Protein backbone atom coordinates (compact mmCIF):
# COMPACT_ATOMS: atom_id res chain seq x y z
CA MET A 1 119.30 -46.29 -144.82
CA ASP A 2 118.74 -43.00 -146.68
CA GLY A 3 121.17 -40.09 -146.54
CA GLU A 4 119.16 -38.05 -144.02
CA ASN A 5 118.93 -40.92 -141.51
CA LEU A 6 122.63 -41.69 -141.94
CA ARG A 7 123.58 -38.06 -141.25
CA ARG A 8 121.34 -38.04 -138.17
CA GLU A 9 122.90 -41.25 -136.85
CA LEU A 10 126.43 -39.96 -137.43
CA ALA A 11 125.53 -36.70 -135.66
CA ASP A 12 124.20 -38.67 -132.67
CA ILE A 13 127.37 -40.79 -132.54
CA THR A 14 129.56 -37.67 -132.72
CA LYS A 15 127.54 -35.98 -129.96
CA SER A 16 127.78 -39.06 -127.72
CA LEU A 17 131.54 -39.37 -128.31
CA ARG A 18 132.08 -35.67 -127.56
CA ARG A 19 130.12 -35.99 -124.33
CA THR A 20 132.09 -39.09 -123.29
CA LEU A 21 135.42 -37.36 -123.97
CA GLU A 22 134.25 -34.28 -122.09
CA ARG A 23 133.32 -36.32 -119.05
CA GLU A 24 136.59 -38.27 -119.19
CA LEU A 25 138.57 -35.03 -119.27
CA HIS A 26 136.73 -33.50 -116.33
CA ALA A 27 137.01 -36.69 -114.25
CA GLY A 28 140.76 -36.82 -114.83
CA GLY A 29 140.97 -39.63 -117.37
CA GLY A 30 142.72 -37.39 -119.86
CA ASP A 31 145.65 -37.05 -117.46
CA LEU A 32 145.92 -40.83 -117.25
CA ILE A 33 146.00 -41.18 -121.04
CA ALA A 34 148.69 -38.50 -121.32
CA THR A 35 150.78 -40.14 -118.57
CA ALA A 36 150.48 -43.56 -120.19
CA ALA A 37 151.59 -42.15 -123.54
CA LYS A 38 154.58 -40.44 -121.91
CA GLN A 39 155.60 -43.67 -120.15
CA LYS A 40 155.25 -45.59 -123.40
CA ARG A 41 157.59 -43.15 -125.17
CA LYS A 42 160.14 -43.46 -122.37
CA MET A 43 160.02 -47.26 -122.51
CA ALA A 44 160.41 -47.17 -126.28
CA ALA A 45 163.44 -44.89 -125.93
CA LYS A 46 165.02 -47.22 -123.36
CA SER A 47 164.30 -50.23 -125.52
CA GLY A 48 165.95 -48.55 -128.47
CA ALA A 49 169.04 -47.95 -126.32
CA GLY A 50 169.17 -51.62 -125.36
CA THR A 51 168.00 -51.04 -121.80
CA ALA A 52 165.00 -52.97 -120.52
CA PRO A 53 162.54 -51.08 -118.31
CA ALA A 54 163.06 -51.61 -114.60
CA PRO A 55 160.62 -54.04 -112.97
CA ALA A 56 157.97 -52.57 -110.67
CA ALA A 57 158.79 -52.57 -106.97
CA ALA A 58 157.12 -55.31 -104.97
CA ALA A 59 154.22 -54.08 -102.87
CA GLU A 60 154.47 -54.62 -99.12
CA GLU A 61 150.96 -53.47 -98.30
CA ILE A 62 147.53 -53.96 -99.83
CA ASP A 63 144.92 -51.26 -99.48
CA LEU A 64 141.21 -51.96 -99.22
CA PHE A 65 140.62 -51.30 -102.89
CA GLY A 66 142.54 -54.52 -103.56
CA GLU A 67 145.47 -52.63 -105.07
CA PRO A 68 149.05 -52.19 -103.86
CA ALA A 69 149.42 -49.15 -101.62
CA PRO A 70 152.67 -47.28 -100.98
CA THR A 71 154.43 -48.21 -97.75
CA LYS A 72 155.61 -44.63 -97.30
CA PRO A 73 153.62 -41.40 -97.62
CA ALA A 74 153.64 -39.90 -101.08
CA LYS A 75 156.25 -37.16 -101.48
CA VAL A 76 154.43 -33.89 -102.00
CA THR A 77 155.25 -30.25 -101.50
CA PRO A 78 152.24 -28.53 -99.92
CA VAL A 79 151.42 -25.27 -101.67
CA THR A 80 149.23 -22.66 -100.07
CA ALA A 81 147.23 -20.51 -102.48
CA PHE A 82 144.33 -18.13 -102.77
CA GLU A 83 144.16 -17.21 -99.05
CA ALA A 84 146.59 -16.17 -96.37
CA PRO A 85 146.99 -19.03 -93.86
CA ALA A 86 144.75 -18.69 -90.83
CA PRO A 87 143.93 -20.99 -87.93
CA LEU A 88 141.95 -23.98 -89.15
CA PRO A 89 138.54 -24.88 -87.67
CA ALA A 90 138.62 -26.94 -84.50
CA LEU A 91 140.10 -30.44 -84.36
CA ASP A 92 138.93 -31.31 -80.83
CA PRO A 93 135.98 -33.80 -80.91
CA GLY A 94 133.95 -31.73 -78.44
CA ALA A 95 134.40 -28.58 -80.49
CA ARG A 96 133.58 -30.46 -83.70
CA ALA A 97 130.38 -31.79 -82.08
CA ALA A 98 129.36 -28.23 -81.21
CA ILE A 99 130.01 -27.12 -84.82
CA ALA A 100 127.92 -30.07 -86.06
CA ARG A 101 124.99 -29.18 -83.79
CA ALA A 102 125.02 -25.58 -84.93
CA ALA A 103 125.33 -26.58 -88.59
CA GLU A 104 122.47 -29.11 -88.59
CA PRO A 105 119.51 -26.68 -88.84
CA VAL A 106 121.41 -24.49 -91.32
CA LEU A 107 122.11 -27.48 -93.58
CA ALA A 108 118.49 -28.57 -93.35
CA LYS A 109 117.31 -25.11 -94.41
CA ILE A 110 119.75 -25.04 -97.34
CA ALA A 111 118.54 -28.50 -98.39
CA GLU A 112 114.97 -27.21 -98.52
CA GLU A 113 116.06 -24.25 -100.65
CA VAL A 114 118.00 -26.53 -103.01
CA ARG A 115 114.97 -28.76 -103.52
CA ALA A 116 112.82 -25.72 -104.32
CA CYS A 117 115.46 -23.99 -106.49
CA ARG A 118 114.47 -22.87 -110.00
CA SER A 119 117.39 -20.53 -110.67
CA CYS A 120 118.28 -22.24 -113.96
CA ALA A 121 116.50 -24.49 -116.45
CA LEU A 122 117.76 -27.73 -114.87
CA TRP A 123 114.76 -27.83 -112.52
CA GLU A 124 112.63 -28.66 -115.57
CA THR A 125 114.54 -31.85 -116.40
CA ARG A 126 115.64 -33.07 -112.95
CA GLY A 127 113.91 -35.82 -111.02
CA GLN A 128 115.04 -34.52 -107.63
CA ALA A 129 117.50 -31.87 -106.53
CA VAL A 130 120.41 -33.30 -104.52
CA PRO A 131 121.53 -31.00 -101.67
CA GLY A 132 124.21 -33.14 -99.97
CA VAL A 133 124.42 -35.48 -96.97
CA GLY A 134 126.44 -35.92 -93.81
CA SER A 135 127.54 -33.68 -90.98
CA ALA A 136 130.32 -31.45 -89.68
CA LEU A 137 131.46 -33.99 -87.07
CA ALA A 138 134.68 -35.00 -88.84
CA GLY A 139 135.39 -31.65 -90.49
CA ILE A 140 135.96 -33.36 -93.85
CA VAL A 141 133.98 -32.46 -96.99
CA PHE A 142 134.01 -34.34 -100.32
CA VAL A 143 132.81 -32.26 -103.28
CA GLY A 144 132.01 -33.75 -106.67
CA GLU A 145 130.65 -32.39 -109.91
CA ALA A 146 126.90 -33.06 -110.23
CA PRO A 147 124.28 -35.75 -109.56
CA GLY A 148 123.98 -38.72 -111.91
CA ALA A 149 120.95 -40.84 -112.76
CA GLU A 150 120.76 -42.70 -109.43
CA GLU A 151 121.34 -39.52 -107.44
CA ASP A 152 118.61 -37.78 -109.43
CA ARG A 153 116.23 -40.67 -108.69
CA LEU A 154 116.97 -40.93 -104.96
CA GLY A 155 117.80 -37.31 -104.10
CA GLU A 156 121.10 -38.22 -102.44
CA PRO A 157 124.66 -37.64 -103.73
CA PHE A 158 127.06 -40.42 -104.65
CA VAL A 159 124.71 -43.40 -104.42
CA GLY A 160 125.45 -44.95 -107.83
CA ARG A 161 128.50 -47.08 -108.64
CA GLY A 162 130.84 -44.11 -108.16
CA GLY A 163 129.23 -43.39 -104.79
CA GLN A 164 129.66 -46.98 -103.70
CA LEU A 165 133.36 -46.67 -104.49
CA LEU A 166 133.53 -43.42 -102.51
CA ASP A 167 131.98 -45.27 -99.56
CA ARG A 168 134.71 -47.92 -99.90
CA ILE A 169 137.39 -45.23 -100.00
CA ILE A 170 136.05 -43.64 -96.81
CA LYS A 171 135.77 -47.08 -95.15
CA ALA A 172 139.34 -47.88 -96.21
CA MET A 173 140.53 -44.68 -94.52
CA ASP A 174 138.60 -45.59 -91.38
CA ASP A 175 139.81 -49.21 -91.31
CA ALA A 176 143.41 -48.09 -91.84
CA ARG A 177 143.03 -45.53 -89.00
CA LEU A 178 144.56 -42.84 -91.16
CA ILE A 179 143.18 -40.31 -88.68
CA PRO A 180 143.47 -41.96 -85.25
CA GLY A 181 140.46 -41.52 -82.98
CA LEU A 182 138.20 -40.22 -85.76
CA ARG A 183 135.37 -42.37 -87.13
CA LEU A 184 134.87 -41.87 -90.85
CA ASP A 185 131.62 -42.72 -92.62
CA ARG A 186 128.73 -40.97 -94.36
CA SER A 187 127.36 -39.72 -91.06
CA THR A 188 130.55 -37.94 -89.94
CA VAL A 189 131.82 -36.46 -93.24
CA PHE A 190 129.84 -34.29 -95.66
CA ILE A 191 129.36 -35.28 -99.30
CA GLY A 192 128.03 -32.87 -101.92
CA ASN A 193 128.44 -31.43 -105.41
CA VAL A 194 129.09 -28.04 -106.98
CA LEU A 195 125.88 -28.53 -108.98
CA HIS A 196 122.75 -29.79 -107.21
CA CYS A 197 120.70 -30.90 -110.22
CA ARG A 198 121.53 -33.51 -112.83
CA PRO A 199 122.48 -32.07 -116.25
CA PRO A 200 120.61 -33.76 -119.12
CA GLU A 201 122.35 -36.94 -120.30
CA ASN A 202 125.05 -36.40 -117.64
CA ARG A 203 126.76 -33.71 -119.69
CA VAL A 204 129.42 -31.49 -118.10
CA PRO A 205 127.76 -28.60 -116.17
CA LEU A 206 127.57 -25.23 -117.87
CA ALA A 207 129.30 -22.28 -116.21
CA PHE A 208 125.97 -20.49 -115.73
CA GLU A 209 124.46 -23.53 -114.00
CA VAL A 210 127.38 -23.80 -111.60
CA GLU A 211 127.18 -20.06 -110.93
CA GLN A 212 123.50 -20.34 -109.97
CA SER A 213 124.07 -23.39 -107.75
CA SER A 214 127.33 -22.35 -106.08
CA PRO A 215 125.84 -20.07 -103.38
CA HIS A 216 124.21 -23.14 -101.83
CA LEU A 217 127.57 -24.94 -101.62
CA ARG A 218 129.28 -21.83 -100.25
CA ARG A 219 126.73 -21.55 -97.43
CA GLN A 220 127.07 -25.26 -96.69
CA LEU A 221 130.84 -24.87 -96.33
CA GLU A 222 130.37 -21.85 -94.06
CA ALA A 223 128.09 -23.91 -91.80
CA LEU A 224 130.28 -27.04 -91.88
CA GLN A 225 133.55 -25.20 -91.05
CA PRO A 226 135.63 -28.08 -92.48
CA ARG A 227 139.29 -28.53 -91.73
CA ILE A 228 139.81 -30.03 -95.19
CA ILE A 229 137.90 -30.22 -98.48
CA CYS A 230 138.56 -32.96 -101.01
CA CYS A 231 137.61 -32.11 -104.60
CA LEU A 232 136.59 -35.16 -106.60
CA GLY A 233 137.45 -34.38 -110.19
CA LYS A 234 138.36 -31.39 -112.33
CA THR A 235 135.01 -29.55 -112.31
CA ALA A 236 134.84 -29.30 -108.51
CA ALA A 237 138.51 -28.30 -108.27
CA GLU A 238 138.27 -25.60 -110.92
CA HIS A 239 135.18 -24.11 -109.30
CA LEU A 240 136.49 -24.02 -105.73
CA LEU A 241 139.97 -22.87 -106.72
CA GLY A 242 138.76 -20.42 -109.35
CA SER A 243 141.50 -21.63 -111.67
CA LYS A 244 141.69 -23.86 -114.73
CA ALA A 245 144.46 -26.45 -114.83
CA SER A 246 144.99 -30.15 -115.47
CA LEU A 247 143.90 -32.41 -112.66
CA ALA A 248 147.37 -33.95 -112.53
CA SER A 249 148.92 -30.52 -111.86
CA MET A 250 146.43 -29.82 -109.06
CA ARG A 251 147.04 -33.12 -107.25
CA GLY A 252 149.66 -33.32 -104.51
CA ARG A 253 149.20 -29.67 -103.55
CA VAL A 254 147.46 -28.24 -100.51
CA TYR A 255 145.41 -25.08 -100.99
CA ARG A 256 143.58 -22.80 -98.54
CA VAL A 257 140.02 -21.77 -99.44
CA TYR A 258 136.93 -20.92 -97.36
CA GLY A 259 139.07 -21.10 -94.22
CA ALA A 260 139.96 -24.76 -94.85
CA LYS A 261 142.68 -26.77 -96.53
CA LEU A 262 141.80 -28.25 -99.91
CA ILE A 263 143.22 -31.15 -101.93
CA VAL A 264 142.28 -32.55 -105.33
CA THR A 265 141.89 -36.18 -106.43
CA TYR A 266 140.26 -38.17 -109.21
CA HIS A 267 136.49 -38.62 -109.33
CA PRO A 268 135.36 -42.15 -108.32
CA ALA A 269 133.70 -42.51 -111.74
CA ALA A 270 137.13 -42.07 -113.36
CA VAL A 271 138.57 -44.74 -111.06
CA LEU A 272 135.84 -47.17 -112.11
CA ARG A 273 136.78 -46.65 -115.74
CA ASN A 274 140.54 -46.65 -115.09
CA PRO A 275 141.61 -48.97 -112.23
CA GLU A 276 145.17 -47.58 -112.55
CA LEU A 277 143.90 -44.52 -110.67
CA LYS A 278 143.27 -46.49 -107.47
CA ARG A 279 146.83 -46.07 -106.28
CA PRO A 280 147.07 -42.26 -106.73
CA VAL A 281 143.65 -41.83 -105.08
CA TRP A 282 144.87 -43.80 -102.05
CA GLU A 283 147.97 -41.60 -101.93
CA ASP A 284 145.69 -38.57 -101.98
CA MET A 285 143.70 -39.95 -99.04
CA GLN A 286 146.96 -40.36 -97.11
CA LEU A 287 147.77 -36.74 -97.90
CA LEU A 288 144.30 -35.69 -96.73
CA ALA A 289 144.80 -37.51 -93.43
CA ARG A 290 148.23 -35.96 -92.79
CA GLU A 291 147.05 -32.45 -93.60
CA TYR A 292 143.92 -32.87 -91.49
CA GLN A 293 146.06 -33.47 -88.41
CA THR A 294 148.40 -30.52 -88.91
CA GLU A 295 147.84 -26.75 -88.82
């Protein structure tokens, strides 16, 4: 291999590694690595002092991800930010049904506009724009970062491996009756992204691209009138909260934006790469359910 080809190959490897690290950071994997390193240092310190690390507590429940789930709700201190508290959108099923009926034509119109959008250069490389799916019936919205390859091919959000895990998470919540009397599936919640077109090679969205796409999401949220929004990953959280922070620091807090409560959890893609995240995600879903049922 001559020098020019070697330099080109090394540049490609560096670019691919940078993109992978970028995606891991925005999905929350960086927090996991930092936490693991911190725990390792603590264990080393204890070992040096002649004290063995305490064994993990035995699990008394198993969640539907196949991982131990806490028997008690996670201890969190809700924090309200960015908006003064106001009455949340309706909880009553009849009122939610009325909101869903009113939102349906609005969401359909926004979907048409998303599919025709050429506000940034992503329309030139996309297969299909991905406007979002679901309804306002439950008053729960899941917001991710951007479509991937499968979403770009099918025109629907969260249909790849990460989407299949999100479906399992929603089904686990429904099977566990975390919100009594409320059916949870893709037809009753709404699932979307802050960016409606796939970035080339699944790179992290550029600020300009998110800025051009965000009015569509804002109008969707206005029509949906959710009681609670769940941000899946760092990109969605930073956009909706208008603040940059580590995903770990944003978890466990309850914010108020767009007239709804908002919580943050790890992106399903991060959970697929790091099974250790299953437990904190399940804790976050318990938090979502508790906050949904309270004003």
